[in-house]
C-alpha atoms as a PDB file:
ATOM      1  CA  UNK A   1    -150.534-137.039  -3.097  1.00  0.00           C
ATOM      2  CA  UNK A   2    -154.054-137.514  -4.348  1.00  0.00           C
ATOM      3  CA  UNK A   3    -154.997-138.027  -7.982  1.00  0.00           C
ATOM      4  CA  UNK A   4    -155.681-134.924 -10.104  1.00  0.00           C
ATOM      5  CA  UNK A   5    -159.337-134.087 -10.466  1.00  0.00           C
ATOM      6  CA  UNK A   6    -160.628-131.027 -12.258  1.00  0.00           C
ATOM      7  CA  UNK A   7    -163.421-129.566 -10.178  1.00  0.00           C
ATOM      8  CA  UNK A   8    -165.280-128.279 -13.252  1.00  0.00           C
ATOM      9  CA  UNK A   9    -165.004-131.523 -15.245  1.00  0.00           C
ATOM     10  CA  UNK A  10    -168.784-131.783 -15.477  1.00  0.00           C
ATOM     11  CA  UNK A  11    -168.934-128.326 -17.107  1.00  0.00           C
ATOM     12  CA  UNK A  12    -166.278-129.402 -19.606  1.00  0.00           C
ATOM     13  CA  UNK A  13    -168.299-132.529 -20.383  1.00  0.00           C
ATOM     14  CA  UNK A  14    -171.405-130.424 -20.935  1.00  0.00           C
ATOM     15  CA  UNK A  15    -169.437-128.138 -23.269  1.00  0.00           C
ATOM     16  CA  UNK A  16    -168.267-131.197 -25.233  1.00  0.00           C
ATOM     17  CA  UNK A  17    -171.847-132.439 -25.540  1.00  0.00           C
ATOM     18  CA  UNK A  18    -173.061-129.012 -26.645  1.00  0.00           C
ATOM     19  CA  UNK A  19    -170.333-128.917 -29.275  1.00  0.00           C
ATOM     20  CA  UNK A  20    -171.354-132.323 -30.599  1.00  0.00           C
ATOM     21  CA  UNK A  21    -174.996-131.235 -30.769  1.00  0.00           C
ATOM     22  CA  UNK A  22    -174.016-128.050 -32.573  1.00  0.00           C
ATOM     23  CA  UNK A  23    -171.892-130.025 -35.043  1.00  0.00           C
ATOM     24  CA  UNK A  24    -174.954-132.123 -35.813  1.00  0.00           C
ATOM     25  CA  UNK A  25    -177.144-129.014 -36.235  1.00  0.00           C
ATOM     26  CA  UNK A  26    -174.532-127.485 -38.543  1.00  0.00           C
ATOM     27  CA  UNK A  27    -174.308-130.666 -40.600  1.00  0.00           C
ATOM     28  CA  UNK A  28    -178.092-130.817 -40.945  1.00  0.00           C
ATOM     29  CA  UNK A  29    -178.260-127.174 -42.056  1.00  0.00           C
ATOM     30  CA  UNK A  30    -175.442-127.781 -44.523  1.00  0.00           C
ATOM     31  CA  UNK A  31    -177.192-130.868 -45.901  1.00  0.00           C
ATOM     32  CA  UNK A  32    -180.419-128.878 -46.283  1.00  0.00           C
ATOM     33  CA  UNK A  33    -178.516-126.211 -48.210  1.00  0.00           C
ATOM     34  CA  UNK A  34    -176.991-128.807 -50.521  1.00  0.00           C
ATOM     35  CA  UNK A  35    -180.417-130.345 -51.120  1.00  0.00           C
ATOM     36  CA  UNK A  36    -181.830-126.923 -52.041  1.00  0.00           C
ATOM     37  CA  UNK A  37    -178.962-126.421 -54.497  1.00  0.00           C
ATOM     38  CA  UNK A  38    -179.594-129.841 -56.035  1.00  0.00           C
ATOM     39  CA  UNK A  39    -183.265-128.940 -56.401  1.00  0.00           C
ATOM     40  CA  UNK A  40    -182.301-125.726 -58.219  1.00  0.00           C
ATOM     41  CA  UNK A  41    -180.120-127.767 -60.583  1.00  0.00           C
ATOM     42  CA  UNK A  42    -183.019-130.134 -61.266  1.00  0.00           C
ATOM     43  CA  UNK A  43    -185.205-127.130 -62.039  1.00  0.00           C
ATOM     44  CA  UNK A  44    -182.582-125.724 -64.386  1.00  0.00           C
ATOM     45  CA  UNK A  45    -182.441-129.050 -66.248  1.00  0.00           C
ATOM     46  CA  UNK A  46    -186.216-129.098 -66.492  1.00  0.00           C
ATOM     47  CA  UNK A  47    -186.233-125.512 -67.808  1.00  0.00           C
ATOM     48  CA  UNK A  48    -183.653-126.423 -70.470  1.00  0.00           C
ATOM     49  CA  UNK A  49    -185.906-129.281 -71.551  1.00  0.00           C
ATOM     50  CA  UNK A  50    -188.795-126.849 -71.986  1.00  0.00           C
ATOM     51  CA  UNK A  51    -186.530-124.504 -73.969  1.00  0.00           C
ATOM     52  CA  UNK A  52    -185.343-127.348 -76.220  1.00  0.00           C
ATOM     53  CA  UNK A  53    -188.917-128.441 -76.694  1.00  0.00           C
ATOM     54  CA  UNK A  54    -189.833-124.884 -77.685  1.00  0.00           C
ATOM     55  CA  UNK A  55    -186.968-124.795 -80.195  1.00  0.00           C
ATOM     56  CA  UNK A  56    -188.133-128.082 -81.684  1.00  0.00           C
ATOM     57  CA  UNK A  57    -191.682-126.805 -82.000  1.00  0.00           C
ATOM     58  CA  UNK A  58    -190.521-123.590 -83.659  1.00  0.00           C
ATOM     59  CA  UNK A  59    -188.406-125.461 -86.208  1.00  0.00           C
ATOM     60  CA  UNK A  60    -190.850-128.277 -86.976  1.00  0.00           C
ATOM     61  CA  UNK A  61    -194.247-126.648 -87.061  1.00  0.00           C
ATOM     62  CA  UNK A  62    -196.017-123.605 -85.842  1.00  0.00           C
ATOM     63  CA  UNK A  63    -198.455-125.182 -83.408  1.00  0.00           C
ATOM     64  CA  UNK A  64    -199.478-122.109 -81.429  1.00  0.00           C
ATOM     65  CA  UNK A  65    -201.010-124.093 -78.609  1.00  0.00           C
ATOM     66  CA  UNK A  66    -197.779-126.103 -78.126  1.00  0.00           C
ATOM     67  CA  UNK A  67    -195.698-122.928 -78.315  1.00  0.00           C
ATOM     68  CA  UNK A  68    -197.861-121.256 -75.649  1.00  0.00           C
ATOM     69  CA  UNK A  69    -197.636-124.378 -73.484  1.00  0.00           C
ATOM     70  CA  UNK A  70    -193.834-124.469 -73.771  1.00  0.00           C
ATOM     71  CA  UNK A  71    -193.516-120.744 -73.004  1.00  0.00           C
ATOM     72  CA  UNK A  72    -195.773-121.104 -69.967  1.00  0.00           C
ATOM     73  CA  UNK A  73    -193.622-124.008 -68.831  1.00  0.00           C
ATOM     74  CA  UNK A  74    -190.474-121.922 -69.198  1.00  0.00           C
ATOM     75  CA  UNK A  75    -192.044-118.979 -67.344  1.00  0.00           C
ATOM     76  CA  UNK A  76    -193.264-121.281 -64.593  1.00  0.00           C
ATOM     77  CA  UNK A  77    -189.812-122.817 -64.208  1.00  0.00           C
ATOM     78  CA  UNK A  78    -188.273-119.333 -64.041  1.00  0.00           C
ATOM     79  CA  UNK A  79    -190.675-118.467 -61.248  1.00  0.00           C
ATOM     80  CA  UNK A  80    -189.909-121.688 -59.394  1.00  0.00           C
ATOM     81  CA  UNK A  81    -186.187-121.076 -59.812  1.00  0.00           C
ATOM     82  CA  UNK A  82    -186.518-117.558 -58.352  1.00  0.00           C
ATOM     83  CA  UNK A  83    -188.376-118.988 -55.360  1.00  0.00           C
ATOM     84  CA  UNK A  84    -185.771-121.708 -55.025  1.00  0.00           C
ATOM     85  CA  UNK A  85    -183.038-119.057 -55.069  1.00  0.00           C
ATOM     86  CA  UNK A  86    -184.740-117.416 -52.079  1.00  0.00           C
ATOM     87  CA  UNK A  87    -184.877-120.793 -50.319  1.00  0.00           C
ATOM     88  CA  UNK A  88    -181.167-121.247 -50.995  1.00  0.00           C
ATOM     89  CA  UNK A  89    -180.412-117.800 -49.566  1.00  0.00           C
ATOM     90  CA  UNK A  90    -182.446-118.665 -46.479  1.00  0.00           C
ATOM     91  CA  UNK A  91    -180.627-121.982 -46.106  1.00  0.00           C
ATOM     92  CA  UNK A  92    -177.261-120.204 -46.475  1.00  0.00           C
ATOM     93  CA  UNK A  93    -178.232-117.797 -43.687  1.00  0.00           C
ATOM     94  CA  UNK A  94    -179.151-120.745 -41.499  1.00  0.00           C
ATOM     95  CA  UNK A  95    -175.813-122.420 -42.250  1.00  0.00           C
ATOM     96  CA  UNK A  96    -173.994-119.197 -41.338  1.00  0.00           C
ATOM     97  CA  UNK A  97    -175.972-118.917 -38.107  1.00  0.00           C
ATOM     98  CA  UNK A  98    -175.222-122.533 -37.201  1.00  0.00           C
ATOM     99  CA  UNK A  99    -171.539-122.000 -38.059  1.00  0.00           C
ATOM    100  CA  UNK A 100    -171.390-118.989 -35.733  1.00  0.00           C
ATOM    101  CA  UNK A 101    -173.065-120.956 -32.953  1.00  0.00           C
ATOM    102  CA  UNK A 102    -170.606-123.797 -33.509  1.00  0.00           C
ATOM    103  CA  UNK A 103    -167.660-121.401 -33.318  1.00  0.00           C
ATOM    104  CA  UNK A 104    -168.993-119.928 -30.065  1.00  0.00           C
ATOM    105  CA  UNK A 105    -169.483-123.370 -28.535  1.00  0.00           C
ATOM    106  CA  UNK A 106    -165.994-124.420 -29.650  1.00  0.00           C
ATOM    107  CA  UNK A 107    -164.458-121.331 -28.071  1.00  0.00           C
ATOM    108  CA  UNK A 108    -166.276-122.031 -24.806  1.00  0.00           C
ATOM    109  CA  UNK A 109    -165.046-125.627 -24.858  1.00  0.00           C
ATOM    110  CA  UNK A 110    -161.491-124.575 -25.623  1.00  0.00           C
ATOM    111  CA  UNK A 111    -161.646-122.075 -22.762  1.00  0.00           C
ATOM    112  CA  UNK A 112    -162.692-124.846 -20.398  1.00  0.00           C
ATOM    113  CA  UNK A 113    -159.903-127.082 -21.699  1.00  0.00           C
ATOM    114  CA  UNK A 114    -157.355-124.305 -21.133  1.00  0.00           C
ATOM    115  CA  UNK A 115    -158.656-123.815 -17.606  1.00  0.00           C
ATOM    116  CA  UNK A 116    -158.305-127.546 -17.038  1.00  0.00           C
ATOM    117  CA  UNK A 117    -154.747-127.445 -18.392  1.00  0.00           C
ATOM    118  CA  UNK A 118    -153.882-124.516 -16.101  1.00  0.00           C
ATOM    119  CA  UNK A 119    -155.319-126.416 -13.134  1.00  0.00           C
ATOM    120  CA  UNK A 120    -153.313-129.493 -14.103  1.00  0.00           C
ATOM    121  CA  UNK A 121    -150.119-127.425 -14.414  1.00  0.00           C
ATOM    122  CA  UNK A 122    -150.754-125.948 -10.964  1.00  0.00           C
ATOM    123  CA  UNK A 123    -151.352-129.474  -9.653  1.00  0.00           C
ATOM    124  CA  UNK A 124    -148.036-130.669 -11.137  1.00  0.00           C
ATOM    125  CA  UNK A 125    -146.185-127.733  -9.550  1.00  0.00           C
ATOM    126  CA  UNK A 126    -147.773-128.394  -6.174  1.00  0.00           C
ATOM    127  CA  UNK A 127    -146.959-132.090  -6.503  1.00  0.00           C
ATOM    128  CA  UNK A 128    -143.314-131.268  -7.329  1.00  0.00           C
ATOM    129  CA  UNK A 129    -143.119-128.907  -4.313  1.00  0.00           C
ATOM    130  CA  UNK A 130    -144.592-131.530  -2.025  1.00  0.00           C
ATOM    131  CA  UNK A 131    -142.245-134.162  -3.384  1.00  0.00           C
ATOM    132  CA  UNK A 132    -139.256-131.833  -2.878  1.00  0.00           C
ATOM    133  CA  UNK A 133    -140.455-131.153   0.701  1.00  0.00           C
ATOM    134  CA  UNK A 134    -140.627-134.891   1.404  1.00  0.00           C
ATOM    135  CA  UNK A 135    -137.141-135.432  -0.027  1.00  0.00           C
ATOM    136  CA  UNK A 136    -135.807-132.562   2.088  1.00  0.00           C
ATOM    137  CA  UNK A 137    -137.414-134.046   5.180  1.00  0.00           C
ATOM    138  CA  UNK A 138    -135.991-137.472   4.370  1.00  0.00           C
ATOM    139  CA  UNK A 139    -132.503-136.061   3.817  1.00  0.00           C
ATOM    140  CA  UNK A 140    -132.726-133.988   6.984  1.00  0.00           C
ATOM    141  CA  UNK A 141    -133.860-137.011   8.969  1.00  0.00           C
ATOM    142  CA  UNK A 142    -131.067-139.193   7.570  1.00  0.00           C
ATOM    143  CA  UNK A 143    -128.507-136.477   8.267  1.00  0.00           C
ATOM    144  CA  UNK A 144    -129.705-135.919  11.816  1.00  0.00           C
ATOM    145  CA  UNK A 145    -129.676-139.670  12.627  1.00  0.00           C
ATOM    146  CA  UNK A 146    -126.119-139.971  11.283  1.00  0.00           C
ATOM    147  CA  UNK A 147    -125.002-137.004  13.424  1.00  0.00           C
ATOM    148  CA  UNK A 148    -126.439-138.645  16.539  1.00  0.00           C
ATOM    149  CA  UNK A 149    -124.641-141.931  15.921  1.00  0.00           C
ATOM    150  CA  UNK A 150    -121.203-140.306  15.526  1.00  0.00           C
END
């Protein structure tokens, strides 16, 4: 009997490639999200520095220009942090979208693999039937040649 070949193997290979590409896209989106979160943390550290600086100014001397500068810095950092929060939300949406796409591609690939497994199981059954047929023919031939010689 001939070797098993899945007639839609090329489709399965394409599904595997699509899954790999989607894994890469998901990883890139996830990395972008993590970078946005790190940027927010850097902004929070910078804001705390401005707040500490303001506290120092208020305890040491009452330099109104320095106080105004520190408050503007804090307000500016708050604004940047709000904008960064929106960027993080956008990046999270992109990660969710990429995750959904990855799940869809995985399900399509798994469907193709199941179809391949079903085809292979059918091939094994057909091979077993053909093998049994050959054995039956061999036994029948041997039996009929023994009958003729007696």
